[in-house]
Protein backbone atom coordinates (compact mmCIF):
# COMPACT_ATOMS: atom_id res chain seq x y z
CA MET A 1 135.93 134.78 70.53
CA ASN A 2 133.94 137.34 72.89
CA ASN A 3 135.64 135.46 75.96
CA LYS A 4 139.25 135.98 76.57
CA TRP A 5 138.86 133.18 79.29
CA ARG A 6 138.06 130.70 77.27
CA LYS A 7 141.24 130.14 75.65
CA TRP A 8 142.71 128.67 78.74
CA ASP A 9 139.71 125.61 78.11
CA ASP A 10 142.15 123.22 76.68
CA LEU A 11 144.93 124.09 78.45
CA LEU A 12 144.08 123.11 81.73
CA ASP A 13 143.88 119.98 83.42
CA LEU A 14 139.77 119.29 84.68
CA ASN A 15 141.38 116.82 87.18
CA ALA A 16 143.30 119.52 88.98
CA LEU A 17 141.09 121.79 89.03
CA PHE A 18 138.33 119.81 90.57
CA LYS A 19 140.68 119.13 93.54
CA TYR A 20 141.68 123.21 93.80
CA SER A 21 138.07 123.57 93.99
CA GLY A 22 137.41 121.18 96.86
CA PHE A 23 136.17 118.28 95.14
CA GLU A 24 136.81 114.96 96.64
CA PRO A 25 138.30 112.31 94.22
CA SER A 26 135.54 109.62 93.94
CA ARG A 27 136.45 107.05 91.24
CA LYS A 28 139.01 106.66 88.70
CA GLU A 29 138.03 104.17 85.74
CA SER A 30 139.88 104.23 81.97
CA GLY A 31 137.07 106.40 80.53
CA PHE A 32 136.21 108.85 83.19
CA HIS A 33 137.35 110.22 86.65
CA SER A 34 134.72 111.11 89.06
CA TYR A 35 134.56 114.12 91.54
CA LYS A 36 132.17 114.90 94.66
CA MET A 37 131.39 117.63 96.59
CA GLY A 38 128.23 117.12 98.98
CA LYS A 39 125.83 115.18 97.00
CA ASP A 40 127.18 116.79 93.68
CA HIS A 41 129.06 114.57 91.16
CA ALA A 42 130.87 115.51 88.33
CA MET A 43 132.68 113.23 85.87
CA VAL A 44 135.80 114.26 83.50
CA ILE A 45 135.89 113.18 80.38
CA GLN A 46 138.74 113.01 77.23
CA THR A 47 136.87 113.91 74.11
CA GLU A 48 138.27 114.72 70.54
CA GLU A 49 138.15 118.42 71.46
CA GLY A 50 140.13 117.93 75.05
CA GLN A 51 139.04 117.70 78.45
CA ARG A 52 135.14 118.39 79.65
CA TYR A 53 133.31 117.23 82.00
CA TYR A 54 129.29 116.75 83.13
CA LYS A 55 127.32 116.70 86.50
CA ALA A 56 125.35 113.51 87.03
CA SER A 57 122.27 115.45 86.61
CA ARG A 58 122.70 116.34 83.20
CA PRO A 59 125.22 114.19 81.45
CA GLU A 60 123.75 115.60 77.94
CA HIS A 61 125.64 119.01 78.76
CA LYS A 62 129.62 119.00 78.34
CA LEU A 63 131.18 121.70 80.20
CA ALA A 64 134.87 122.93 80.10
CA ALA A 65 137.29 124.65 82.62
CA PHE A 66 135.61 128.30 82.25
CA ASP A 67 132.43 126.75 83.30
CA LEU A 68 133.61 125.07 86.43
CA VAL A 69 135.61 128.38 87.29
CA LEU A 70 132.82 130.47 86.74
CA GLU A 71 130.54 128.33 89.04
CA GLN A 72 132.62 128.29 91.64
CA LEU A 73 133.80 131.86 91.98
CA SER A 74 130.50 133.04 91.63
CA LYS A 75 129.54 131.08 94.90
CA THR A 76 133.07 132.25 96.28
CA GLU A 77 133.26 135.95 98.10
CA GLY A 78 137.08 136.16 98.56
CA SER A 79 138.67 138.87 100.75
CA THR A 80 138.22 141.41 98.71
CA LYS A 81 134.89 142.79 97.23
CA LEU A 82 135.70 142.35 93.58
CA GLY A 83 132.81 141.98 90.92
CA LEU A 84 132.39 138.49 89.43
CA TRP A 85 134.58 139.33 86.22
CA SER A 86 137.17 140.64 87.89
CA LYS A 87 137.54 137.84 90.57
CA ILE A 88 137.70 135.46 87.01
CA ASP A 89 140.34 137.89 85.35
CA ALA A 90 142.32 137.71 88.74
CA PHE A 91 141.95 133.96 88.80
CA TYR A 92 142.97 133.34 85.27
CA THR A 93 146.20 135.95 85.65
CA LYS A 94 147.26 133.96 88.88
CA LEU A 95 147.45 130.84 86.62
CA GLU A 96 149.19 132.54 84.02
CA GLU A 97 151.72 134.05 86.61
CA LYS A 98 152.33 130.74 88.09
CA GLY A 99 151.90 128.36 85.53
CA LEU A 100 149.27 126.74 87.57
CA PHE A 101 147.01 123.46 86.67
CA LEU A 102 148.60 123.31 83.09
CA LEU A 103 148.16 119.71 81.23
CA GLU A 104 151.80 119.27 80.34
CA GLN A 105 152.84 120.06 83.96
CA GLU A 106 150.29 118.20 85.91
CA LYS A 107 150.58 114.68 83.70
CA SER A 108 147.39 113.76 84.67
CA ASP A 109 146.52 109.83 84.15
CA VAL A 110 145.60 109.22 80.37
CA LEU A 111 141.98 108.72 79.77
CA GLU A 112 140.17 106.94 76.74
CA THR A 113 139.04 109.47 74.41
CA LYS A 114 135.06 109.47 74.23
CA LYS A 115 132.64 110.99 72.13
CA LYS A 116 130.82 114.08 73.49
CA THR A 117 127.56 112.18 73.87
CA TYR A 118 129.24 110.09 76.08
CA ASN A 119 127.27 108.64 79.60
CA HIS A 120 128.87 106.46 82.08
CA PHE A 121 125.36 105.69 83.03
CA GLU A 122 124.42 103.89 80.14
CA GLY A 123 127.22 101.31 80.91
CA MET A 124 126.12 100.90 84.71
CA THR A 125 123.91 97.48 83.55
CA ALA A 126 126.89 95.61 82.73
CA THR A 127 129.49 97.18 85.44
CA HIS A 128 126.69 96.37 88.44
CA SER A 129 125.77 93.06 86.81
CA LEU A 130 121.98 94.58 86.73
CA LEU A 131 119.84 92.02 84.40
CA PRO A 132 116.52 92.78 83.27
CA TYR A 133 113.47 92.04 85.53
CA GLU A 134 110.21 90.29 84.27
CA VAL A 135 107.33 92.06 85.97
CA VAL A 136 104.36 89.81 86.64
CA ASN A 137 101.37 90.23 84.33
CA ASP A 138 103.09 92.94 82.21
CA ASP A 139 101.17 91.68 79.06
CA GLU A 140 102.03 94.65 77.01
CA GLY A 141 105.61 95.01 77.84
CA GLN A 142 105.36 98.17 79.81
CA PHE A 143 108.50 97.66 82.23
CA ALA A 144 110.56 96.06 79.61
CA GLY A 145 113.67 97.54 80.07
CA LYS A 146 112.59 99.59 82.64
CA VAL A 147 112.90 97.23 86.06
CA PHE A 148 116.43 95.52 86.69
CA ALA A 149 117.70 93.38 89.52
CA ASP A 150 121.11 93.52 90.87
CA THR A 151 122.92 90.39 92.24
CA LYS A 152 121.25 90.47 95.49
CA GLY A 153 117.91 90.34 94.22
CA ARG A 154 117.06 93.70 94.62
CA LEU A 155 115.04 95.65 92.12
CA VAL A 156 116.67 98.80 90.28
CA PHE A 157 114.94 101.26 88.30
CA PRO A 158 116.42 103.71 85.64
CA PHE A 159 115.80 107.47 86.01
CA TYR A 160 115.82 110.22 83.20
CA ASN A 161 115.89 113.99 83.16
CA LEU A 162 113.88 116.54 81.46
CA ALA A 163 116.14 116.06 78.13
CA ASN A 164 115.40 111.98 78.44
CA THR A 165 118.93 111.66 79.52
CA LEU A 166 119.94 108.42 81.88
CA THR A 167 120.93 110.06 85.46
CA GLY A 168 121.17 107.05 87.22
CA TYR A 169 119.83 104.05 88.93
CA VAL A 170 117.37 103.79 92.25
CA VAL A 171 117.97 100.58 94.39
CA ALA A 172 114.77 99.62 95.87
CA ASP A 173 116.33 98.13 99.19
CA GLY A 174 113.87 96.92 102.24
CA ASN A 175 111.39 100.10 103.00
CA GLY A 176 113.93 102.55 101.43
CA HIS A 177 115.95 103.60 98.61
CA SER A 178 119.46 103.95 97.51
CA LEU A 179 121.72 105.20 94.59
CA LEU A 180 124.21 103.56 92.62
CA GLY A 181 127.62 105.12 91.98
CA GLU A 182 127.13 108.64 91.06
CA SER A 183 123.37 108.78 90.35
CA ASP A 184 121.23 111.49 90.74
CA ILE A 185 117.90 111.72 90.46
CA SER A 186 117.36 115.11 91.79
CA ALA A 187 115.82 116.25 88.39
CA SER A 188 114.80 112.96 86.93
CA VAL A 189 112.10 110.68 87.40
CA TRP A 190 111.28 106.85 86.35
CA PHE A 191 108.54 105.71 84.05
CA SER A 192 106.81 103.25 82.37
CA ASN A 193 106.94 102.50 78.39
CA VAL A 194 104.67 104.16 76.29
CA PRO A 195 102.17 102.36 74.33
CA LYS A 196 100.45 102.89 71.11
CA SER A 197 97.22 103.88 72.50
CA ILE A 198 97.43 105.80 76.08
CA GLU A 199 94.33 105.60 78.29
CA HIS A 200 95.80 106.55 81.61
CA LEU A 201 98.86 108.60 82.90
CA VAL A 202 99.16 107.58 86.34
CA VAL A 203 101.86 109.57 88.81
CA LEU A 204 102.68 107.61 91.92
CA ARG A 205 105.49 108.44 94.86
CA SER A 206 108.22 105.45 93.70
CA PRO A 207 108.78 103.04 91.30
CA MET A 208 107.60 100.22 93.77
CA GLU A 209 104.38 101.94 94.14
CA ALA A 210 104.15 101.86 90.42
CA LEU A 211 104.67 98.05 90.52
CA ALA A 212 102.11 97.63 93.14
CA PHE A 213 99.53 99.67 91.57
CA HIS A 214 99.94 97.69 88.60
CA GLY A 215 100.15 94.41 90.43
CA ARG A 216 96.16 95.90 91.68
CA PHE A 217 94.72 96.96 88.86
CA GLN A 218 96.13 95.43 85.78
CA LEU A 219 95.66 98.48 83.82
CA ARG A 220 96.29 98.30 80.31
CA ASN A 221 97.11 101.10 77.87
CA ALA A 222 98.74 103.24 81.02
CA VAL A 223 101.85 105.06 81.50
CA TYR A 224 103.27 104.78 85.01
CA LEU A 225 105.51 107.76 86.24
CA ALA A 226 107.32 108.07 89.80
CA PHE A 227 109.27 110.52 91.32
CA LEU A 228 111.36 110.55 94.55
CA ASP A 229 111.82 114.18 94.63
CA ILE A 230 108.96 115.88 94.33
CA ASN A 231 110.76 119.50 93.03
CA TYR A 232 110.02 121.96 90.06
CA ASP A 233 112.19 120.07 87.91
CA THR A 234 110.34 116.71 88.44
CA ALA A 235 107.26 118.58 87.86
CA LYS A 236 108.17 120.21 84.61
CA ILE A 237 109.18 116.23 83.48
CA LEU A 238 105.37 115.48 84.46
CA VAL A 239 103.90 118.43 82.70
CA ARG A 240 105.56 117.06 79.38
CA ILE A 241 104.83 113.64 79.81
CA HIS A 242 101.02 114.62 80.32
CA LYS A 243 100.98 117.13 77.23
CA THR A 244 102.78 114.19 75.40
CA THR A 245 99.91 111.52 76.02
CA LYS A 246 97.33 114.36 75.06
CA LEU A 247 95.13 112.96 78.09
CA SER A 248 92.88 115.25 79.40
CA LYS A 249 93.35 114.16 83.29
CA MET A 250 96.35 112.37 84.78
CA ALA A 251 95.85 110.61 87.76
CA LEU A 252 98.10 111.11 90.82
CA SER A 253 98.22 108.48 93.63
CA LEU A 254 101.27 109.67 95.96
CA THR A 255 101.52 108.04 99.24
CA GLY A 256 103.87 107.91 101.95
CA ARG A 257 104.44 106.51 105.25
CA SER A 258 101.55 107.63 106.78
CA LYS A 259 98.35 109.20 105.31
CA ILE A 260 99.06 112.67 106.21
CA GLU A 261 102.37 111.95 104.34
CA GLY A 262 100.61 111.27 101.38
CA TYR A 263 98.24 114.29 101.33
CA ILE A 264 101.53 116.44 102.04
CA HIS A 265 102.90 115.19 98.99
CA ASP A 266 99.90 115.84 97.13
CA LEU A 267 99.95 119.38 98.03
CA MET A 268 103.75 119.61 97.52
CA LEU A 269 103.07 118.45 93.76
CA MET A 270 100.37 121.13 93.53
CA SER A 271 102.32 123.93 94.37
CA PHE A 272 105.24 122.98 91.83
CA LEU A 273 102.47 122.38 89.08
CA ASN A 274 100.71 125.60 89.50
CA ASP A 275 103.74 127.37 89.94
CA SER A 276 103.21 130.91 91.40
CA LYS A 277 99.54 130.47 91.73
CA PHE A 278 99.72 127.47 94.52
CA LEU A 279 102.79 127.98 97.24
CA VAL A 280 103.03 126.07 100.24
CA ARG A 281 105.07 126.40 103.36
CA VAL A 282 105.61 123.93 106.21
CA GLY A 283 105.10 125.33 110.00
CA LYS A 284 105.71 123.20 112.99
CA ASP A 285 101.87 122.57 113.44
CA HIS A 286 100.54 123.69 109.79
CA LEU A 287 101.08 124.09 106.34
CA GLY A 288 100.67 127.79 105.01
CA ILE A 289 99.37 127.86 101.92
CA ARG A 290 99.06 130.75 99.28
CA PHE A 291 96.97 130.90 96.29
CA ALA A 292 95.46 132.73 93.51
CA PRO A 293 91.57 133.22 94.00
CA GLU A 294 91.22 132.97 90.10
CA THR A 295 87.48 132.32 89.11
CA ASP A 296 84.72 133.86 91.83
CA LYS A 297 82.60 130.64 91.30
CA ALA A 298 85.94 128.16 92.27
CA LEU A 299 86.66 130.33 95.16
CA THR A 300 82.92 130.55 96.54
CA ASN A 301 82.34 127.28 96.37
CA LEU A 302 86.02 126.38 98.17
CA PHE A 303 84.92 129.00 100.75
CA LYS A 304 81.44 127.10 101.08
CA GLU A 305 83.08 123.67 101.59
CA ILE A 306 85.94 125.03 104.09
CA LYS A 307 82.87 126.37 106.43
CA LYS A 308 81.18 122.97 106.17
CA PHE A 309 84.14 121.43 107.37
CA ASN A 310 84.84 123.96 110.55
CA ASN A 311 81.17 123.83 111.43
CA SER A 312 81.21 119.96 111.14
CA LEU A 313 84.15 120.15 113.42
CA ALA A 314 82.33 122.45 115.92
CA GLN A 315 79.51 120.20 116.10
CA GLU A 316 81.22 117.18 116.85
CA TYR A 317 82.82 118.93 119.91
CA LEU A 318 79.81 119.89 121.03
CA GLY A 319 78.73 116.37 121.03
CA PHE A 320 81.26 115.98 124.05
CA ASN A 321 81.22 119.29 125.53
CA LYS A 322 78.68 121.61 126.68
CA MET A 323 80.57 124.78 125.51
CA PRO A 324 83.04 125.19 122.77
CA ASP A 325 86.75 125.80 123.32
CA GLN A 326 87.38 128.41 120.76
CA SER A 327 90.71 128.16 121.12
CA LEU A 328 91.16 124.86 120.70
CA LEU A 329 88.67 124.79 117.68
CA ASN A 330 90.63 127.57 115.81
CA GLN A 331 93.95 125.34 116.16
CA HIS A 332 92.28 122.41 114.08
CA SER A 333 90.16 124.52 111.83
CA ILE A 334 91.06 125.29 108.28
CA VAL A 335 91.49 129.59 108.35
CA LEU A 336 90.96 131.10 104.81
CA THR A 337 91.91 134.97 104.58
CA ARG A 338 92.44 137.40 101.78
CA GLU A 339 95.97 139.34 101.31
CA LYS A 340 95.35 141.85 98.54
CA ASP A 341 94.84 139.30 95.29
CA MET A 342 96.08 135.98 96.99
CA ILE A 343 94.47 133.64 98.84
CA LEU A 344 95.98 132.72 102.59
CA CYS A 345 95.30 129.15 103.94
CA ARG A 346 96.25 127.72 107.65
CA LEU A 347 95.97 124.34 107.44
CA PRO A 348 96.65 121.99 110.74
CA PHE A 349 98.46 118.94 110.38
CA ASP A 350 95.31 116.68 110.75
CA VAL A 351 94.62 114.32 108.81
CA ASN A 352 90.55 115.28 108.04
CA ALA A 353 91.31 118.75 107.48
CA LEU A 354 94.45 117.93 105.10
CA ARG A 355 92.02 115.59 103.27
CA TYR A 356 89.35 117.91 102.61
CA PHE A 357 91.34 120.82 101.80
CA LEU A 358 93.02 118.72 99.10
CA TRP A 359 89.74 117.36 98.01
CA SER A 360 88.05 120.37 97.97
CA TYR A 361 90.83 122.74 95.95
CA TYR A 362 91.81 120.09 93.43
CA ARG A 363 87.98 119.56 92.68
CA ASN A 364 87.41 123.52 92.19
CA TYR A 365 90.64 124.12 90.61
CA MET A 366 92.12 121.26 89.05
CA GLY A 367 89.72 118.79 88.36
CA LYS A 368 90.04 119.06 84.55
CA THR A 369 93.43 118.12 84.65
CA ILE A 370 93.97 115.54 87.51
CA GLU A 371 92.12 113.24 89.33
CA ILE A 372 93.54 111.72 92.85
CA ILE A 373 93.13 107.81 93.19
CA LYS A 374 93.82 106.66 96.76
CA PRO A 375 94.51 103.22 98.09
CA VAL A 376 92.26 102.24 101.37
CA ASP A 377 95.67 101.32 103.09
CA VAL A 378 98.44 103.54 103.58
CA ASN A 379 100.09 102.69 100.38
CA TRP A 380 99.60 100.43 97.19
CA ALA A 381 102.40 97.97 98.31
CA LYS A 382 100.09 97.56 101.26
CA GLU A 383 97.30 97.41 99.13
CA LEU A 384 98.19 94.98 97.36
CA GLU A 385 99.58 92.38 99.76
CA ARG A 386 96.31 92.45 101.69
CA SER A 387 93.75 92.69 98.78
CA GLY A 388 95.44 91.27 95.49
CA ILE A 389 94.22 92.05 92.23
CA TYR A 390 90.90 94.37 92.12
CA SER A 391 88.13 92.54 90.55
CA GLY A 392 85.57 95.29 90.31
CA GLU A 393 84.83 97.55 87.36
CA ARG A 394 86.04 101.13 86.85
CA ALA A 395 89.14 101.59 89.17
CA MET A 396 89.75 104.82 88.40
CA GLU A 397 86.46 106.04 89.95
CA ALA A 398 85.80 103.17 92.79
CA PHE A 399 88.87 104.79 93.97
CA ARG A 400 88.76 108.50 93.41
CA MET A 401 89.36 110.47 96.34
CA ALA A 402 85.93 111.81 98.04
CA VAL A 403 85.06 113.14 101.42
């Protein structure tokens, strides 16, 4: 063993260690004890190898006492400027000298022994009396086992992380969402079943939007994917599923409470899909975007399209005023500048500017991998309520984003 502190893993009571580390006891069950700090949840279980714990975001990864000590001490500066390993050794020396947190002394509640594959989220359908929900016009079984209903009739959706492990359930509650129990969806997505033949991958802002999109278009051989948190982890899951489908393009159809919010969601997702090639910063009255120019042709086309937008903005202003107010025009124009080998963009919070830049960027830089599909209404739920099932042809083309 090349880690002398690991010998303590089977000697210390994790329940006592979590309390000492500042976690609040959240729930006690026969199979696990849960602890909470902020938004983070951890479950302590008893395995044949001793006590272990897992985080709600990664139930597949079982951890031991040293992992908890390492994580907590790496975040704590302390009164002296000790290095990380010195702090850890001092901590274990103190435990040994004072006999703290030992299993036989703590006399903790006895837990049922579980396999290391145990995941309490898998039993939530029973504990919360969730019943399978039959989605209307689900002829291919795309949503079988992917949508449930609780005792109040609310729809409930299971979310999975990059390891395809269940990390909890989201409850659609009115116009918002809530989480069941210790659920953590910060690095997880919801997705429909994968058909034998895949023709469409549609990415949406929430599972409810996915159901509305399906109700509107009744797509066959489609995979729907939705997330509530747009971040690096959820973008990685999207990329993996896209590769699995082997489709050349995926359809992004992110919406929000307003058109502007939907466009910002698109740009934020692009920043994670493009990683370091496209960075977004949210300011008070504008978005700051930094991206790689890549090919000369793409950059030239983008510059021409942005110039066309700004000229149109100025011409419209002169239709109502004899002289241009350059300061006002600059505030609402899209500004592109070079900084070494990157392009900087100042993008105002104006619905037309956001829409135009989004369309120009994805068309010139990401047109081979994505299509952006937008509802006429603010989101697909309202679109379905207003217009019902789409009766036209080639839905993806008919609702493709354009300016």
